[in-house]
Amino acid sequence: MQVKTNRILHIIVLIIFLSMKCSTYSQQFWTEVTPLFGAITGFAVNSNNELFAITYWGGVYKSTDKGLSWVQKNQGINDYNLYSILITPSGDMYVGSVNNGVYKSTDNGNQWLLSGLTVNVKIRALIIDANGNIYAGSHGHGIYRSSNQGAAWTNISTPDFVYSMAATSNGYVFAGSGNPEAIWRSTDNGMTFQQVTTGDHNFNTIIAKDDNLYSVTGNLDTDIPFQFNTDNPVSYKFVFSSDQGDNWIIRSTFSNSSHGITLNQNNVLFIGKYINILRSTDGGYNFTQLSSGINQQSGIIISLACDSTGFIYLGETYGKVYRSTETTIGITSHSNTIPRQYKIYQNYPNPFNPATKIKIDVPQEAGNKKLEVRLAVYDILGKEVATLVNEQLSAGSYEVEWNAYQFASGIYFCKLTANDYNETIPMVLIK
């Protein structure tokens, strides 16, 4: 009789567990927030976690509430057809237009002035390198480089048709092009570019993080803003380089054209694939589709971004903006009990491969104020390799996951900093 009772209890527990799992996974991953006017061609997030969006037709928009509301910021801009946006570490902002070159703002987008680059050409990419040089990649006129915050620019004619650009910490600069379809690299402070890999489609997007490079190919139509030719389905590629562009590995292929890449603080990868989103937790070897909440009759997803709290934003050709329903960096409330003091617990599992979890306690402060909390990972040399938490947290216990798939085996240190408190734990990654 006791055995039968235990079996019944096990069945009940299993049913409850499965119902909870089904309930969890039935929640939509994406939620549509306030739309904008025009195709959303880019996002940028400043140091205050304020979100900026640029559009083709509507100019610049700013949101301080994670996309719930937007304010246009076009004072001084005459060409509202924008293709690219850059926010520098100092807070200066640049946007690239179709007909008027590059605009610059030094007051968080409130006022814009034309920079020294006023060419009548599409500026598709804007980046800053490790030495403070600004680059503007154009469609048909090569790359423009400024060493004085946009006051004057020098033209580098090769490559000609630039779709995307990125820079690594050692000063190398990369450009993804079409006609020819290739990735180019500069090792001389942007003075010259050499081809380092070729493809059979435009390199629509290239980004750099932790000196790793990620790029996707597609067949972007530049005459009609952000449309794709889907008449001849072919294989598009996701490529990766971990050695400053010396070698490029094809990690995945797709049946639809791709545009837009972003990574969160845990290096989880998100890629826009036509009207869908793909996610990878292993550096791009395997992807799962995350499209729940996205209107499949809507436009093409062409821009992605991640803010400092791990929320992902999507922009599409009809002006719709989607935001992840929850943060993607894995920080979750762990208990309803209010801790008495700050604490970081030993990660588990430890040793680990490739993911581990870290629990932290945040105590109650006077006035019930939220506290600035930072949780970061460092290598054995003291170099910061990942930021897991960098935000205001209410009192409570939290758990964060770190996925170290792209890091080598070794000892790492996780440091919790808040107010005058700091504490570090060692973690062992074994692959």
Protein backbone atom coordinates (compact mmCIF):
# COMPACT_ATOMS: atom_id res chain seq x y z
CA MET A 1 0.00 0.00 0.00
CA GLN A 2 2.87 2.35 0.85
CA VAL A 3 4.56 1.61 -2.47
CA LYS A 4 1.35 2.39 -4.36
CA THR A 5 0.93 5.64 -2.44
CA ASN A 6 4.51 6.66 -3.26
CA ARG A 7 3.92 5.96 -6.95
CA ILE A 8 0.80 8.11 -6.91
CA LEU A 9 2.73 10.93 -5.24
CA HIS A 10 5.51 10.63 -7.82
CA ILE A 11 2.95 10.82 -10.64
CA ILE A 12 1.31 13.89 -9.08
CA VAL A 13 4.69 15.60 -8.67
CA LEU A 14 5.59 14.76 -12.27
CA ILE A 15 2.30 16.20 -13.56
CA ILE A 16 2.80 19.39 -11.55
CA PHE A 17 6.39 19.69 -12.80
CA LEU A 18 5.40 19.20 -16.43
CA SER A 19 2.55 21.69 -16.13
CA MET A 20 4.97 24.24 -14.69
CA LYS A 21 7.41 23.62 -17.53
CA CYS A 22 4.67 23.96 -20.13
CA SER A 23 3.49 27.18 -18.50
CA THR A 24 7.03 28.52 -18.50
CA TYR A 25 7.71 27.75 -22.13
CA SER A 26 4.33 28.94 -23.36
CA GLN A 27 5.31 32.50 -22.43
CA GLN A 28 6.22 34.50 -25.49
CA PHE A 29 9.90 35.31 -25.76
CA TRP A 30 9.30 38.65 -27.51
CA THR A 31 6.87 41.45 -26.80
CA GLU A 32 6.07 44.27 -29.20
CA VAL A 33 6.71 47.73 -27.75
CA THR A 34 5.97 51.16 -29.21
CA PRO A 35 6.61 51.23 -32.99
CA LEU A 36 8.55 53.92 -34.84
CA PHE A 37 8.16 55.66 -38.20
CA GLY A 38 10.24 54.00 -40.89
CA ALA A 39 12.48 50.97 -41.24
CA ILE A 40 14.58 50.58 -38.09
CA THR A 41 18.14 50.50 -39.35
CA GLY A 42 20.08 50.48 -36.08
CA PHE A 43 20.15 50.65 -32.30
CA ALA A 44 22.71 51.97 -29.81
CA VAL A 45 22.80 51.98 -26.01
CA ASN A 46 24.67 54.64 -24.04
CA SER A 47 26.41 54.35 -20.66
CA ASN A 48 23.16 55.28 -18.87
CA ASN A 49 21.38 52.35 -20.54
CA GLU A 50 19.32 54.75 -22.66
CA LEU A 51 18.27 53.24 -25.97
CA PHE A 52 18.59 55.06 -29.28
CA ALA A 53 17.08 53.90 -32.56
CA ILE A 54 17.60 55.24 -36.06
CA THR A 55 15.19 54.79 -38.93
CA TYR A 56 15.02 55.22 -42.66
CA TRP A 57 12.40 58.03 -42.93
CA GLY A 58 12.06 58.98 -39.26
CA GLY A 59 15.55 59.94 -38.08
CA VAL A 60 16.67 59.45 -34.46
CA TYR A 61 14.55 58.24 -31.54
CA LYS A 62 15.40 57.91 -27.85
CA SER A 63 13.83 55.73 -25.13
CA THR A 64 14.56 55.78 -21.40
CA ASP A 65 12.04 53.05 -20.50
CA LYS A 66 13.19 50.07 -22.57
CA GLY A 67 11.21 50.96 -25.67
CA LEU A 68 7.84 51.63 -24.06
CA SER A 69 7.95 55.24 -25.23
CA TRP A 70 10.12 57.18 -27.69
CA VAL A 71 11.05 60.80 -28.29
CA GLN A 72 12.35 62.01 -31.66
CA LYS A 73 15.78 63.64 -31.49
CA ASN A 74 16.22 65.26 -34.90
CA GLN A 75 17.15 68.85 -33.98
CA GLY A 76 19.69 69.90 -36.61
CA ILE A 77 19.22 66.86 -38.87
CA ASN A 78 17.98 67.57 -42.40
CA ASP A 79 18.17 64.04 -43.79
CA TYR A 80 15.93 61.67 -41.81
CA ASN A 81 17.02 58.66 -43.86
CA LEU A 82 19.63 57.15 -41.56
CA TYR A 83 21.60 53.93 -41.90
CA SER A 84 24.14 53.82 -39.06
CA ILE A 85 24.69 55.00 -35.49
CA LEU A 86 27.68 55.14 -33.12
CA ILE A 87 28.01 56.15 -29.47
CA THR A 88 31.65 56.55 -28.42
CA PRO A 89 33.03 55.77 -24.95
CA SER A 90 33.07 59.52 -24.24
CA GLY A 91 29.37 59.81 -25.09
CA ASP A 92 29.67 61.57 -28.46
CA MET A 93 27.10 60.35 -30.98
CA TYR A 94 27.32 59.98 -34.76
CA VAL A 95 24.66 59.00 -37.29
CA GLY A 96 25.22 58.21 -40.97
CA SER A 97 22.67 59.40 -43.53
CA VAL A 98 21.83 58.70 -47.17
CA ASN A 99 22.45 62.14 -48.65
CA ASN A 100 24.16 64.40 -46.08
CA GLY A 101 27.05 62.35 -44.76
CA VAL A 102 27.59 62.13 -40.99
CA TYR A 103 25.93 64.13 -38.20
CA LYS A 104 27.41 64.48 -34.71
CA SER A 105 25.92 65.23 -31.28
CA THR A 106 27.85 66.02 -28.10
CA ASP A 107 24.79 66.42 -25.83
CA ASN A 108 23.15 62.99 -25.88
CA GLY A 109 21.27 63.57 -29.12
CA ASN A 110 19.54 66.82 -28.19
CA GLN A 111 21.31 68.82 -30.90
CA TRP A 112 22.99 67.58 -34.09
CA LEU A 113 25.50 69.27 -36.37
CA LEU A 114 27.00 68.13 -39.64
CA SER A 115 30.47 66.71 -39.17
CA GLY A 116 33.25 67.32 -41.63
CA LEU A 117 31.92 64.49 -43.82
CA THR A 118 29.11 65.87 -46.00
CA VAL A 119 29.27 63.52 -48.99
CA ASN A 120 26.12 62.57 -50.90
CA VAL A 121 26.53 58.84 -50.30
CA LYS A 122 24.94 56.20 -48.08
CA ILE A 123 26.89 55.80 -44.82
CA ARG A 124 26.14 52.20 -43.86
CA ALA A 125 28.59 51.70 -40.96
CA LEU A 126 30.07 53.83 -38.17
CA ILE A 127 32.64 52.58 -35.64
CA ILE A 128 35.43 53.81 -33.38
CA ASP A 129 38.71 51.93 -33.03
CA ALA A 130 40.92 51.40 -29.98
CA ASN A 131 42.90 54.55 -30.80
CA GLY A 132 39.87 56.83 -31.06
CA ASN A 133 39.69 57.03 -34.85
CA ILE A 134 36.18 57.20 -36.33
CA TYR A 135 35.31 55.23 -39.48
CA ALA A 136 32.37 55.66 -41.84
CA GLY A 137 31.76 52.84 -44.30
CA SER A 138 29.92 53.95 -47.43
CA HIS A 139 28.05 52.29 -50.25
CA GLY A 140 30.13 52.93 -53.33
CA HIS A 141 32.78 55.33 -52.04
CA GLY A 142 34.87 53.20 -49.71
CA ILE A 143 35.76 54.07 -46.12
CA TYR A 144 36.20 57.49 -44.55
CA ARG A 145 38.47 57.90 -41.53
CA SER A 146 38.66 60.73 -38.99
CA SER A 147 41.36 61.13 -36.35
CA ASN A 148 39.89 64.34 -34.84
CA GLN A 149 36.36 63.42 -33.71
CA GLY A 150 34.77 63.94 -37.11
CA ALA A 151 36.13 67.39 -37.93
CA ALA A 152 38.04 66.14 -40.99
CA TRP A 153 37.95 62.86 -42.91
CA THR A 154 40.29 60.95 -45.21
CA ASN A 155 38.94 58.60 -47.88
CA ILE A 156 40.23 55.04 -48.27
CA SER A 157 38.81 53.80 -51.57
CA THR A 158 39.25 50.04 -50.98
CA PRO A 159 36.96 48.30 -50.19
CA ASP A 160 34.32 50.14 -52.19
CA PHE A 161 30.86 48.87 -51.14
CA VAL A 162 30.93 48.61 -47.33
CA TYR A 163 28.02 47.09 -45.41
CA SER A 164 29.46 46.69 -41.92
CA MET A 165 32.54 47.45 -39.80
CA ALA A 166 34.07 46.39 -36.48
CA ALA A 167 37.24 46.98 -34.46
CA THR A 168 39.21 44.92 -31.94
CA SER A 169 41.14 46.07 -28.87
CA ASN A 170 44.56 45.90 -30.54
CA GLY A 171 43.61 48.54 -33.10
CA TYR A 172 42.69 46.25 -35.99
CA VAL A 173 39.73 47.41 -38.08
CA PHE A 174 37.47 45.15 -40.17
CA ALA A 175 35.00 45.84 -42.96
CA GLY A 176 32.38 43.58 -44.52
CA SER A 177 31.72 44.34 -48.16
CA GLY A 178 29.79 43.43 -51.27
CA ASN A 179 31.16 43.57 -54.82
CA PRO A 180 33.45 41.87 -54.01
CA GLU A 181 31.83 39.89 -51.19
CA ALA A 182 34.62 39.81 -48.63
CA ILE A 183 35.92 40.79 -45.21
CA TRP A 184 38.78 43.28 -45.14
CA ARG A 185 41.25 44.07 -42.37
CA SER A 186 43.47 47.01 -41.50
CA THR A 187 46.49 46.48 -39.26
CA ASP A 188 47.97 49.96 -39.76
CA ASN A 189 45.55 52.18 -37.89
CA GLY A 190 43.05 52.28 -40.74
CA MET A 191 45.41 53.57 -43.40
CA THR A 192 45.02 50.55 -45.72
CA PHE A 193 42.78 47.47 -45.89
CA GLN A 194 43.58 43.98 -47.16
CA GLN A 195 41.12 41.22 -48.01
CA VAL A 196 41.25 38.36 -45.46
CA THR A 197 38.33 36.17 -46.53
CA THR A 198 35.82 35.90 -49.35
CA GLY A 199 32.21 34.83 -49.62
CA ASP A 200 29.40 34.43 -52.11
CA HIS A 201 27.10 37.04 -50.54
CA ASN A 202 27.38 40.45 -48.89
CA PHE A 203 28.77 40.47 -45.36
CA ASN A 204 25.75 42.31 -43.97
CA THR A 205 26.90 42.49 -40.35
CA ILE A 206 30.22 42.11 -38.57
CA ILE A 207 30.74 42.68 -34.85
CA ALA A 208 33.61 42.24 -32.41
CA LYS A 209 33.42 41.23 -28.76
CA ASP A 210 36.30 40.14 -26.52
CA ASP A 211 38.40 40.28 -29.71
CA ASN A 212 36.32 37.54 -31.31
CA LEU A 213 34.70 38.42 -34.63
CA TYR A 214 31.23 37.38 -35.80
CA SER A 215 29.70 37.94 -39.23
CA VAL A 216 26.68 36.86 -41.28
CA THR A 217 26.05 36.99 -45.02
CA GLY A 218 22.94 37.93 -46.94
CA ASN A 219 21.58 39.47 -50.13
CA LEU A 220 20.61 42.92 -48.94
CA ASP A 221 19.05 45.07 -51.66
CA THR A 222 20.52 48.56 -51.34
CA ASP A 223 18.35 50.32 -53.91
CA ILE A 224 15.11 49.68 -52.02
CA PRO A 225 15.94 50.13 -48.32
CA PHE A 226 16.40 46.81 -46.59
CA GLN A 227 14.63 44.32 -48.79
CA PHE A 228 15.95 40.87 -49.58
CA ASN A 229 15.82 38.93 -52.80
CA THR A 230 14.34 35.53 -51.94
CA ASP A 231 13.76 34.26 -55.48
CA ASN A 232 16.73 31.92 -55.37
CA PRO A 233 17.09 30.26 -51.95
CA VAL A 234 20.75 29.55 -51.27
CA SER A 235 23.02 28.92 -48.33
CA TYR A 236 23.99 31.92 -46.21
CA LYS A 237 26.75 31.72 -43.65
CA PHE A 238 27.63 32.59 -40.08
CA VAL A 239 31.42 32.92 -39.82
CA PHE A 240 33.69 33.36 -36.81
CA SER A 241 37.30 34.31 -36.15
CA SER A 242 39.19 34.09 -32.86
CA ASP A 243 42.64 35.14 -34.16
CA GLN A 244 42.16 38.76 -35.25
CA GLY A 245 40.86 37.72 -38.65
CA ASP A 246 43.71 35.46 -39.77
CA ASN A 247 41.33 32.51 -40.09
CA TRP A 248 37.56 32.40 -40.51
CA ILE A 249 35.44 29.37 -39.67
CA ILE A 250 31.98 28.69 -41.11
CA ARG A 251 30.10 27.58 -38.01
CA SER A 252 26.57 27.51 -39.42
CA THR A 253 24.66 27.92 -42.68
CA PHE A 254 21.13 29.26 -43.14
CA SER A 255 18.53 28.97 -45.87
CA ASN A 256 17.44 32.60 -45.48
CA SER A 257 19.37 35.83 -45.68
CA SER A 258 20.60 37.11 -42.32
CA HIS A 259 21.09 40.62 -41.03
CA GLY A 260 21.99 41.75 -37.54
CA ILE A 261 23.95 40.15 -34.71
CA THR A 262 24.14 40.87 -31.01
CA LEU A 263 25.57 39.10 -27.97
CA ASN A 264 24.49 39.46 -24.39
CA GLN A 265 26.78 39.66 -21.36
CA ASN A 266 26.96 35.86 -21.19
CA ASN A 267 27.99 35.68 -24.87
CA VAL A 268 24.69 34.17 -25.93
CA LEU A 269 24.39 34.92 -29.63
CA PHE A 270 21.28 36.31 -31.37
CA ILE A 271 20.97 36.59 -35.15
CA GLY A 272 18.20 38.03 -37.29
CA LYS A 273 17.22 35.58 -40.03
CA TYR A 274 14.65 37.17 -42.32
CA ILE A 275 11.50 37.30 -40.12
CA ASN A 276 12.86 35.09 -37.34
CA ILE A 277 15.46 35.19 -34.57
CA LEU A 278 18.04 32.50 -33.92
CA ARG A 279 19.83 31.97 -30.59
CA SER A 280 23.04 30.07 -29.92
CA THR A 281 24.64 29.29 -26.55
CA ASP A 282 27.71 27.54 -28.01
CA GLY A 283 29.25 30.25 -30.16
CA GLY A 284 27.20 29.61 -33.28
CA TYR A 285 27.63 25.88 -33.85
CA ASN A 286 23.98 25.22 -33.06
CA PHE A 287 20.99 27.56 -33.19
CA THR A 288 17.43 27.40 -31.93
CA GLN A 289 14.63 29.56 -33.31
CA LEU A 290 13.12 32.09 -30.91
CA SER A 291 10.21 33.70 -32.70
CA SER A 292 7.30 33.46 -30.26
CA GLY A 293 5.70 36.89 -30.04
CA ILE A 294 6.95 38.09 -33.44
CA ASN A 295 4.26 38.77 -36.03
CA GLN A 296 5.16 36.45 -38.90
CA GLN A 297 3.26 38.71 -41.32
CA SER A 298 5.44 41.64 -40.30
CA GLY A 299 8.58 43.08 -41.87
CA ILE A 300 12.13 41.77 -42.06
CA ILE A 301 14.29 41.95 -38.92
CA ILE A 302 17.31 44.09 -39.76
CA SER A 303 18.67 45.42 -36.45
CA LEU A 304 19.41 43.94 -33.02
CA ALA A 305 20.85 45.29 -29.77
CA CYS A 306 21.41 44.26 -26.16
CA ASP A 307 21.29 46.72 -23.26
CA SER A 308 23.34 46.54 -20.06
CA THR A 309 20.62 44.59 -18.24
CA GLY A 310 20.45 41.85 -20.88
CA PHE A 311 17.25 42.84 -22.69
CA ILE A 312 17.40 42.24 -26.44
CA TYR A 313 15.78 44.62 -28.94
CA LEU A 314 14.73 43.87 -32.52
CA GLY A 315 13.89 46.37 -35.24
CA GLU A 316 12.21 45.56 -38.55
CA THR A 317 11.45 47.14 -41.88
CA TYR A 318 7.90 48.26 -41.03
CA GLY A 319 8.94 50.17 -37.91
CA LYS A 320 7.98 47.59 -35.31
CA VAL A 321 10.18 47.20 -32.23
CA TYR A 322 10.31 43.98 -30.22
CA ARG A 323 11.94 43.47 -26.82
CA SER A 324 12.71 40.23 -25.03
CA THR A 325 10.06 39.59 -22.40
CA GLU A 326 12.73 39.04 -19.77
CA THR A 327 16.43 39.74 -19.44
CA THR A 328 18.58 37.21 -21.26
CA ILE A 329 21.62 37.28 -18.99
CA GLY A 330 20.15 34.79 -16.54
CA ILE A 331 19.95 36.93 -13.41
CA THR A 332 16.93 35.72 -11.44
CA SER A 333 15.51 36.44 -8.02
CA HIS A 334 16.44 33.46 -5.85
CA SER A 335 14.59 34.03 -2.57
CA ASN A 336 11.99 36.26 -0.91
CA THR A 337 14.15 36.58 2.21
CA ILE A 338 15.97 39.90 2.67
CA PRO A 339 19.69 39.23 3.33
CA ARG A 340 21.49 41.02 6.15
CA GLN A 341 24.74 41.56 4.30
CA TYR A 342 26.37 41.39 0.90
CA LYS A 343 27.66 37.99 -0.07
CA ILE A 344 28.85 36.06 -3.10
CA TYR A 345 28.55 32.29 -2.84
CA GLN A 346 30.87 29.75 -4.40
CA ASN A 347 29.77 28.96 -7.93
CA TYR A 348 28.24 25.61 -8.74
CA PRO A 349 29.16 23.35 -10.29
CA ASN A 350 32.84 23.95 -9.70
CA PRO A 351 34.85 22.82 -11.63
CA PHE A 352 32.47 23.44 -14.54
CA ASN A 353 32.16 23.08 -18.32
CA PRO A 354 31.00 25.30 -19.90
CA ALA A 355 28.35 26.95 -17.68
CA THR A 356 28.18 27.67 -13.97
CA LYS A 357 25.89 29.58 -11.60
CA ILE A 358 26.76 32.22 -9.02
CA LYS A 359 24.45 33.30 -6.20
CA ILE A 360 24.72 36.76 -4.60
CA ASP A 361 23.00 38.48 -1.68
CA VAL A 362 22.06 42.18 -1.68
CA PRO A 363 20.96 43.59 1.73
CA GLN A 364 18.39 46.26 2.52
CA GLU A 365 19.72 49.83 2.52
CA ALA A 366 18.31 53.00 4.07
CA GLY A 367 15.31 54.33 2.22
CA ASN A 368 14.77 51.04 0.41
CA LYS A 369 16.91 52.35 -2.41
CA LYS A 370 18.07 50.16 -5.25
CA LEU A 371 21.81 49.59 -5.19
CA GLU A 372 24.40 49.68 -7.93
CA VAL A 373 25.69 46.11 -8.11
CA ARG A 374 28.45 44.84 -10.34
CA LEU A 375 29.44 41.21 -10.87
CA ALA A 376 32.35 40.59 -13.22
CA VAL A 377 34.65 37.73 -14.23
CA TYR A 378 38.43 38.09 -14.54
CA ASP A 379 41.12 35.81 -15.90
CA ILE A 380 44.30 34.79 -14.07
CA LEU A 381 46.05 37.98 -15.28
CA GLY A 382 43.34 40.22 -13.86
CA LYS A 383 41.75 41.11 -17.21
CA GLU A 384 37.98 41.45 -17.13
CA VAL A 385 36.51 38.91 -19.54
CA ALA A 386 32.77 39.12 -18.78
CA THR A 387 30.31 41.44 -17.05
CA LEU A 388 27.46 39.42 -15.57
CA VAL A 389 25.63 42.16 -13.64
CA ASN A 390 25.98 45.93 -13.87
CA GLU A 391 22.72 47.47 -12.71
CA GLN A 392 20.61 48.64 -9.79
CA LEU A 393 19.17 45.78 -7.74
CA SER A 394 16.61 45.74 -4.95
CA ALA A 395 17.41 43.87 -1.75
CA GLY A 396 17.27 40.11 -2.22
CA SER A 397 19.14 37.02 -3.35
CA TYR A 398 19.96 36.53 -7.01
CA GLU A 399 21.43 33.84 -9.21
CA VAL A 400 23.42 34.45 -12.38
CA GLU A 401 24.67 31.98 -14.98
CA TRP A 402 27.98 32.39 -16.78
CA ASN A 403 28.49 30.45 -20.01
CA ALA A 404 32.23 30.16 -20.67
CA TYR A 405 32.05 28.17 -23.89
CA GLN A 406 34.53 30.43 -25.70
CA PHE A 407 37.12 30.61 -22.93
CA ALA A 408 40.08 28.32 -22.36
CA SER A 409 40.41 26.00 -19.39
CA GLY A 410 41.87 27.65 -16.33
CA ILE A 411 41.20 29.56 -13.14
CA TYR A 412 38.86 32.55 -13.27
CA PHE A 413 37.75 34.95 -10.57
CA CYS A 414 34.26 36.35 -10.05
CA LYS A 415 34.13 39.65 -8.16
CA LEU A 416 31.07 41.20 -6.52
CA THR A 417 31.24 44.98 -6.00
CA ALA A 418 28.57 47.15 -4.36
CA ASN A 419 29.05 50.37 -2.39
CA ASP A 420 32.19 49.78 -0.29
CA TYR A 421 31.86 46.01 -0.46
CA ASN A 422 33.85 43.72 -2.73
CA GLU A 423 34.52 40.01 -2.57
CA THR A 424 36.02 37.52 -5.02
CA ILE A 425 35.63 33.79 -5.53
CA PRO A 426 37.82 31.48 -7.66
CA MET A 427 36.23 29.34 -10.37
CA VAL A 428 37.80 26.45 -12.29
CA LEU A 429 36.89 25.85 -15.94
CA ILE A 430 37.89 22.39 -17.22
CA LYS A 431 37.23 21.44 -20.84
